[in-house]
Amino acid sequence: MKENQKRYEVILAGSGGQGLVLSGIMLGEAAILEGKVVVQTQSYGIASRGGLSLAEVIIDQEEIIYQQVQEPDIILTLTEEALEKYIPYAEQQVVIFYDTTLAKARTGACLTGYPFTRIASDLGNLGSVNILSLGAMIAKIPMVKKESLVRVIQKRFKGKALEMNLQALETGTDLIRKGEQTW
């Protein structure tokens, strides 16, 4: 990562139903709250649940001309299929976070595995795996401020869902700040 980087290109990939498209939208909304320019695209397989799901987000300080990720800064993969598809980027020094609950363990300088799904399940909210992993991503690469994501979560969720998603975000950031030993 370049110091004082102004542009971030992000890929979120996994299976339909994991909330990755929502994560991309929320990441974009957080960036907009900070006055940044954002493009978010999405695609998913024929089945809304179970097929490959993909969200791309570009965050910049200036106008974005080409609206697809060309040089990702970070990639999140939550399934083995997604990791297999994007693992070649690790050789290009792209940071790849992957879910060790659903993908085989790998080694490499740019590969970082966390049991995102297991941790979300342990928190009692398997559906928050997207927000938990998003918290880890922004702790590693500060594309947006955590406070901006908190505001977006507060706008989208109410009651118990709000509490659980804020806890998931905090847990995700703690994975990077404190290390995985707490899990």
C-alpha atoms as a PDB file:
ATOM      1  CA  MET A   1       0.000   0.000   0.000  1.00  0.00           C
ATOM      2  CA  LYS A   2       1.173   3.442  -0.827  1.00  0.00           C
ATOM      3  CA  GLU A   3       1.244   5.966   1.967  1.00  0.00           C
ATOM      4  CA  ASN A   4      -1.497   8.596   1.629  1.00  0.00           C
ATOM      5  CA  GLN A   5      -3.136   6.549  -1.094  1.00  0.00           C
ATOM      6  CA  LYS A   6      -6.057   8.357  -2.683  1.00  0.00           C
ATOM      7  CA  ARG A   7      -7.578   5.512  -4.726  1.00  0.00           C
ATOM      8  CA  TYR A   8      -8.612   2.047  -3.601  1.00  0.00           C
ATOM      9  CA  GLU A   9      -9.875  -0.801  -5.733  1.00  0.00           C
ATOM     10  CA  VAL A  10     -11.602  -3.586  -3.824  1.00  0.00           C
ATOM     11  CA  ILE A  11     -13.010  -6.979  -4.813  1.00  0.00           C
ATOM     12  CA  LEU A  12     -15.407  -8.875  -2.541  1.00  0.00           C
ATOM     13  CA  ALA A  13     -16.067 -12.425  -3.729  1.00  0.00           C
ATOM     14  CA  GLY A  14     -17.869 -15.420  -2.320  1.00  0.00           C
ATOM     15  CA  SER A  15     -21.184 -17.171  -2.501  1.00  0.00           C
ATOM     16  CA  GLY A  16     -24.638 -15.725  -2.981  1.00  0.00           C
ATOM     17  CA  GLY A  17     -26.266 -15.086   0.377  1.00  0.00           C
ATOM     18  CA  GLN A  18     -23.081 -14.043   2.216  1.00  0.00           C
ATOM     19  CA  GLY A  19     -23.938 -10.357   1.961  1.00  0.00           C
ATOM     20  CA  LEU A  20     -20.979  -9.306  -0.168  1.00  0.00           C
ATOM     21  CA  VAL A  21     -23.020  -7.079  -2.462  1.00  0.00           C
ATOM     22  CA  LEU A  22     -24.430  -5.343   0.617  1.00  0.00           C
ATOM     23  CA  SER A  23     -20.877  -4.979   1.970  1.00  0.00           C
ATOM     24  CA  GLY A  24     -19.808  -3.319  -1.258  1.00  0.00           C
ATOM     25  CA  ILE A  25     -22.741  -0.921  -1.086  1.00  0.00           C
ATOM     26  CA  MET A  26     -22.021  -0.118   2.563  1.00  0.00           C
ATOM     27  CA  LEU A  27     -18.309   0.434   1.893  1.00  0.00           C
ATOM     28  CA  GLY A  28     -19.286   2.820  -0.901  1.00  0.00           C
ATOM     29  CA  GLU A  29     -21.772   4.660   1.294  1.00  0.00           C
ATOM     30  CA  ALA A  30     -19.116   5.100   4.006  1.00  0.00           C
ATOM     31  CA  ALA A  31     -16.719   6.569   1.431  1.00  0.00           C
ATOM     32  CA  ILE A  32     -19.423   8.957   0.185  1.00  0.00           C
ATOM     33  CA  LEU A  33     -19.959  10.169   3.762  1.00  0.00           C
ATOM     34  CA  GLU A  34     -16.270  11.106   3.706  1.00  0.00           C
ATOM     35  CA  GLY A  35     -16.675  13.108   0.503  1.00  0.00           C
ATOM     36  CA  LYS A  36     -15.035  10.542  -1.750  1.00  0.00           C
ATOM     37  CA  VAL A  37     -16.079   9.476  -5.237  1.00  0.00           C
ATOM     38  CA  VAL A  38     -17.310   5.878  -5.453  1.00  0.00           C
ATOM     39  CA  VAL A  39     -18.282   3.303  -8.038  1.00  0.00           C
ATOM     40  CA  GLN A  40     -19.758  -0.012  -6.940  1.00  0.00           C
ATOM     41  CA  THR A  41     -20.587  -2.854  -9.313  1.00  0.00           C
ATOM     42  CA  GLN A  42     -21.915  -6.307  -8.651  1.00  0.00           C
ATOM     43  CA  SER A  43     -22.527  -9.609 -10.324  1.00  0.00           C
ATOM     44  CA  TYR A  44     -23.728 -12.952  -9.153  1.00  0.00           C
ATOM     45  CA  GLY A  45     -24.333 -16.401 -10.522  1.00  0.00           C
ATOM     46  CA  ILE A  46     -27.596 -17.721 -11.811  1.00  0.00           C
ATOM     47  CA  ALA A  47     -28.698 -18.676  -8.297  1.00  0.00           C
ATOM     48  CA  SER A  48     -29.033 -15.865  -5.793  1.00  0.00           C
ATOM     49  CA  ARG A  49     -27.914 -18.209  -3.027  1.00  0.00           C
ATOM     50  CA  GLY A  50     -24.991 -20.522  -3.580  1.00  0.00           C
ATOM     51  CA  GLY A  51     -23.618 -19.185  -6.869  1.00  0.00           C
ATOM     52  CA  LEU A  52     -20.523 -16.998  -7.164  1.00  0.00           C
ATOM     53  CA  SER A  53     -21.250 -13.496  -5.920  1.00  0.00           C
ATOM     54  CA  LEU A  54     -18.976 -10.562  -6.624  1.00  0.00           C
ATOM     55  CA  ALA A  55     -18.920  -6.902  -5.676  1.00  0.00           C
ATOM     56  CA  GLU A  56     -16.295  -4.411  -6.816  1.00  0.00           C
ATOM     57  CA  VAL A  57     -15.776  -1.020  -5.219  1.00  0.00           C
ATOM     58  CA  ILE A  58     -13.559   1.818  -6.397  1.00  0.00           C
ATOM     59  CA  ILE A  59     -12.979   4.682  -3.985  1.00  0.00           C
ATOM     60  CA  ASP A  60     -11.163   7.773  -5.231  1.00  0.00           C
ATOM     61  CA  GLN A  61     -10.664  11.460  -4.545  1.00  0.00           C
ATOM     62  CA  GLU A  62     -11.234  12.296  -8.215  1.00  0.00           C
ATOM     63  CA  GLU A  63     -13.673  11.373 -10.961  1.00  0.00           C
ATOM     64  CA  ILE A  64     -13.685   7.674 -11.800  1.00  0.00           C
ATOM     65  CA  ILE A  65     -13.641   7.117 -15.552  1.00  0.00           C
ATOM     66  CA  TYR A  66     -13.401   3.332 -15.878  1.00  0.00           C
ATOM     67  CA  GLN A  67     -15.906   1.665 -13.587  1.00  0.00           C
ATOM     68  CA  GLN A  68     -14.370  -1.760 -13.075  1.00  0.00           C
ATOM     69  CA  VAL A  69     -11.500  -2.809 -10.857  1.00  0.00           C
ATOM     70  CA  GLN A  70      -8.288  -3.124 -12.863  1.00  0.00           C
ATOM     71  CA  GLU A  71      -5.609  -3.129 -10.165  1.00  0.00           C
ATOM     72  CA  PRO A  72      -7.129  -4.334  -6.900  1.00  0.00           C
ATOM     73  CA  ASP A  73      -5.562  -3.226  -3.628  1.00  0.00           C
ATOM     74  CA  ILE A  74      -7.375  -5.823  -1.560  1.00  0.00           C
ATOM     75  CA  ILE A  75      -9.512  -8.855  -2.300  1.00  0.00           C
ATOM     76  CA  LEU A  76     -11.814 -10.643   0.119  1.00  0.00           C
ATOM     77  CA  THR A  77     -12.747 -14.225  -0.702  1.00  0.00           C
ATOM     78  CA  LEU A  78     -15.229 -16.067   1.480  1.00  0.00           C
ATOM     79  CA  THR A  79     -15.307 -19.397  -0.378  1.00  0.00           C
ATOM     80  CA  GLU A  80     -12.820 -21.856  -1.842  1.00  0.00           C
ATOM     81  CA  GLU A  81     -14.150 -21.146  -5.349  1.00  0.00           C
ATOM     82  CA  ALA A  82     -13.580 -17.408  -4.959  1.00  0.00           C
ATOM     83  CA  LEU A  83     -10.109 -17.907  -3.498  1.00  0.00           C
ATOM     84  CA  GLU A  84      -9.123 -20.177  -6.387  1.00  0.00           C
ATOM     85  CA  LYS A  85     -10.283 -17.533  -8.855  1.00  0.00           C
ATOM     86  CA  TYR A  86      -8.348 -14.653  -7.265  1.00  0.00           C
ATOM     87  CA  ILE A  87      -5.276 -16.305  -5.729  1.00  0.00           C
ATOM     88  CA  PRO A  88      -3.069 -15.404  -8.730  1.00  0.00           C
ATOM     89  CA  TYR A  89      -3.320 -11.754  -7.610  1.00  0.00           C
ATOM     90  CA  ALA A  90      -1.274 -12.613  -4.512  1.00  0.00           C
ATOM     91  CA  GLU A  91       1.737 -13.054  -6.795  1.00  0.00           C
ATOM     92  CA  GLN A  92       1.178  -9.436  -7.880  1.00  0.00           C
ATOM     93  CA  GLN A  93       1.418  -8.301  -4.230  1.00  0.00           C
ATOM     94  CA  VAL A  94      -2.332  -7.799  -3.829  1.00  0.00           C
ATOM     95  CA  VAL A  95      -3.545  -8.380  -0.263  1.00  0.00           C
ATOM     96  CA  ILE A  96      -6.017 -11.261  -0.175  1.00  0.00           C
ATOM     97  CA  PHE A  97      -8.131 -11.982   2.891  1.00  0.00           C
ATOM     98  CA  TYR A  98      -9.811 -15.362   2.844  1.00  0.00           C
ATOM     99  CA  ASP A  99     -12.135 -17.321   5.089  1.00  0.00           C
ATOM    100  CA  THR A 100     -10.346 -20.328   6.581  1.00  0.00           C
ATOM    101  CA  THR A 101     -13.706 -21.743   7.640  1.00  0.00           C
ATOM    102  CA  LEU A 102     -14.704 -22.335   4.015  1.00  0.00           C
ATOM    103  CA  ALA A 103     -11.383 -22.435   2.130  1.00  0.00           C
ATOM    104  CA  LYS A 104      -8.241 -24.524   2.481  1.00  0.00           C
ATOM    105  CA  ALA A 105      -5.369 -22.874   4.342  1.00  0.00           C
ATOM    106  CA  ARG A 106      -2.746 -21.276   2.108  1.00  0.00           C
ATOM    107  CA  THR A 107       0.586 -19.646   2.755  1.00  0.00           C
ATOM    108  CA  GLY A 108       2.053 -16.612   1.079  1.00  0.00           C
ATOM    109  CA  ALA A 109       3.159 -13.104   1.891  1.00  0.00           C
ATOM    110  CA  CYS A 110      -0.083 -11.529   0.648  1.00  0.00           C
ATOM    111  CA  LEU A 111      -2.489 -14.240   1.815  1.00  0.00           C
ATOM    112  CA  THR A 112      -4.193 -13.724   5.156  1.00  0.00           C
ATOM    113  CA  GLY A 113      -6.718 -16.242   6.385  1.00  0.00           C
ATOM    114  CA  TYR A 114      -9.170 -15.779   9.227  1.00  0.00           C
ATOM    115  CA  PRO A 115     -12.099 -17.991  10.269  1.00  0.00           C
ATOM    116  CA  PHE A 116     -14.607 -15.255   9.445  1.00  0.00           C
ATOM    117  CA  THR A 117     -17.606 -17.588   9.179  1.00  0.00           C
ATOM    118  CA  ARG A 118     -16.770 -19.449  12.384  1.00  0.00           C
ATOM    119  CA  ILE A 119     -16.286 -16.189  14.289  1.00  0.00           C
ATOM    120  CA  ALA A 120     -19.593 -14.794  13.003  1.00  0.00           C
ATOM    121  CA  SER A 121     -21.279 -18.031  14.050  1.00  0.00           C
ATOM    122  CA  ASP A 122     -19.631 -17.855  17.500  1.00  0.00           C
ATOM    123  CA  LEU A 123     -21.020 -14.329  17.843  1.00  0.00           C
ATOM    124  CA  GLY A 124     -24.475 -15.775  17.198  1.00  0.00           C
ATOM    125  CA  ASN A 125     -24.952 -14.028  13.872  1.00  0.00           C
ATOM    126  CA  LEU A 126     -23.713 -16.025  10.901  1.00  0.00           C
ATOM    127  CA  GLY A 127     -25.300 -13.416   8.640  1.00  0.00           C
ATOM    128  CA  SER A 128     -22.795 -10.798   9.817  1.00  0.00           C
ATOM    129  CA  VAL A 129     -19.793 -12.516   8.218  1.00  0.00           C
ATOM    130  CA  ASN A 130     -19.801  -9.758   5.589  1.00  0.00           C
ATOM    131  CA  ILE A 131     -19.561  -6.941   8.132  1.00  0.00           C
ATOM    132  CA  LEU A 132     -17.036  -8.794  10.270  1.00  0.00           C
ATOM    133  CA  SER A 133     -14.725  -9.292   7.285  1.00  0.00           C
ATOM    134  CA  LEU A 134     -15.293  -5.690   6.163  1.00  0.00           C
ATOM    135  CA  GLY A 135     -14.120  -4.557   9.600  1.00  0.00           C
ATOM    136  CA  ALA A 136     -10.924  -6.568   9.185  1.00  0.00           C
ATOM    137  CA  MET A 137     -10.352  -5.099   5.721  1.00  0.00           C
ATOM    138  CA  ILE A 138     -10.646  -1.474   6.784  1.00  0.00           C
ATOM    139  CA  ALA A 139      -8.409  -2.117   9.784  1.00  0.00           C
ATOM    140  CA  LYS A 140      -5.733  -3.480   7.432  1.00  0.00           C
ATOM    141  CA  ILE A 141      -6.207  -0.945   4.641  1.00  0.00           C
ATOM    142  CA  PRO A 142      -7.901   2.276   5.795  1.00  0.00           C
ATOM    143  CA  MET A 143     -10.088   2.900   2.742  1.00  0.00           C
ATOM    144  CA  VAL A 144     -12.694   4.483   4.975  1.00  0.00           C
ATOM    145  CA  LYS A 145     -12.869   5.381   8.631  1.00  0.00           C
ATOM    146  CA  LYS A 146     -14.498   2.903  10.957  1.00  0.00           C
ATOM    147  CA  GLU A 147     -16.746   5.708  12.212  1.00  0.00           C
ATOM    148  CA  SER A 148     -18.147   6.147   8.699  1.00  0.00           C
ATOM    149  CA  LEU A 149     -19.046   2.462   8.512  1.00  0.00           C
ATOM    150  CA  VAL A 150     -20.649   2.690  11.947  1.00  0.00           C
ATOM    151  CA  ARG A 151     -22.871   5.516  10.649  1.00  0.00           C
ATOM    152  CA  VAL A 152     -23.876   3.433   7.621  1.00  0.00           C
ATOM    153  CA  ILE A 153     -24.678   0.429   9.835  1.00  0.00           C
ATOM    154  CA  GLN A 154     -26.719   2.628  12.173  1.00  0.00           C
ATOM    155  CA  LYS A 155     -28.708   3.873   9.189  1.00  0.00           C
ATOM    156  CA  ARG A 156     -29.377   0.378   7.784  1.00  0.00           C
ATOM    157  CA  PHE A 157     -30.105  -1.654  10.907  1.00  0.00           C
ATOM    158  CA  LYS A 158     -32.226  -1.250  14.026  1.00  0.00           C
ATOM    159  CA  GLY A 159     -32.576  -3.013  17.370  1.00  0.00           C
ATOM    160  CA  LYS A 160     -30.813  -6.326  17.884  1.00  0.00           C
ATOM    161  CA  ALA A 161     -29.577  -6.418  14.271  1.00  0.00           C
ATOM    162  CA  LEU A 162     -27.857  -3.086  14.830  1.00  0.00           C
ATOM    163  CA  GLU A 163     -26.146  -4.317  17.996  1.00  0.00           C
ATOM    164  CA  MET A 164     -25.017  -7.557  16.358  1.00  0.00           C
ATOM    165  CA  ASN A 165     -23.637  -5.844  13.268  1.00  0.00           C
ATOM    166  CA  LEU A 166     -21.768  -3.231  15.307  1.00  0.00           C
ATOM    167  CA  GLN A 167     -20.289  -6.075  17.367  1.00  0.00           C
ATOM    168  CA  ALA A 168     -19.292  -7.872  14.148  1.00  0.00           C
ATOM    169  CA  LEU A 169     -17.577  -4.723  12.823  1.00  0.00           C
ATOM    170  CA  GLU A 170     -15.694  -4.281  16.092  1.00  0.00           C
ATOM    171  CA  THR A 171     -14.679  -7.945  16.154  1.00  0.00           C
ATOM    172  CA  GLY A 172     -13.397  -7.699  12.586  1.00  0.00           C
ATOM    173  CA  THR A 173     -11.258  -4.656  13.346  1.00  0.00           C
ATOM    174  CA  ASP A 174      -9.967  -6.381  16.486  1.00  0.00           C
ATOM    175  CA  LEU A 175      -8.768  -9.315  14.367  1.00  0.00           C
ATOM    176  CA  ILE A 176      -6.227  -6.987  12.791  1.00  0.00           C
ATOM    177  CA  ARG A 177      -5.490  -4.690  15.733  1.00  0.00           C
ATOM    178  CA  LYS A 178      -5.151  -7.410  18.371  1.00  0.00           C
ATOM    179  CA  GLY A 179      -4.445 -10.449  16.227  1.00  0.00           C
ATOM    180  CA  GLU A 180      -6.431 -13.644  15.936  1.00  0.00           C
ATOM    181  CA  GLN A 181      -5.352 -15.099  19.286  1.00  0.00           C
ATOM    182  CA  THR A 182      -8.637 -14.013  20.862  1.00  0.00           C
ATOM    183  CA  TRP A 183     -10.420 -16.521  18.617  1.00  0.00           C
END
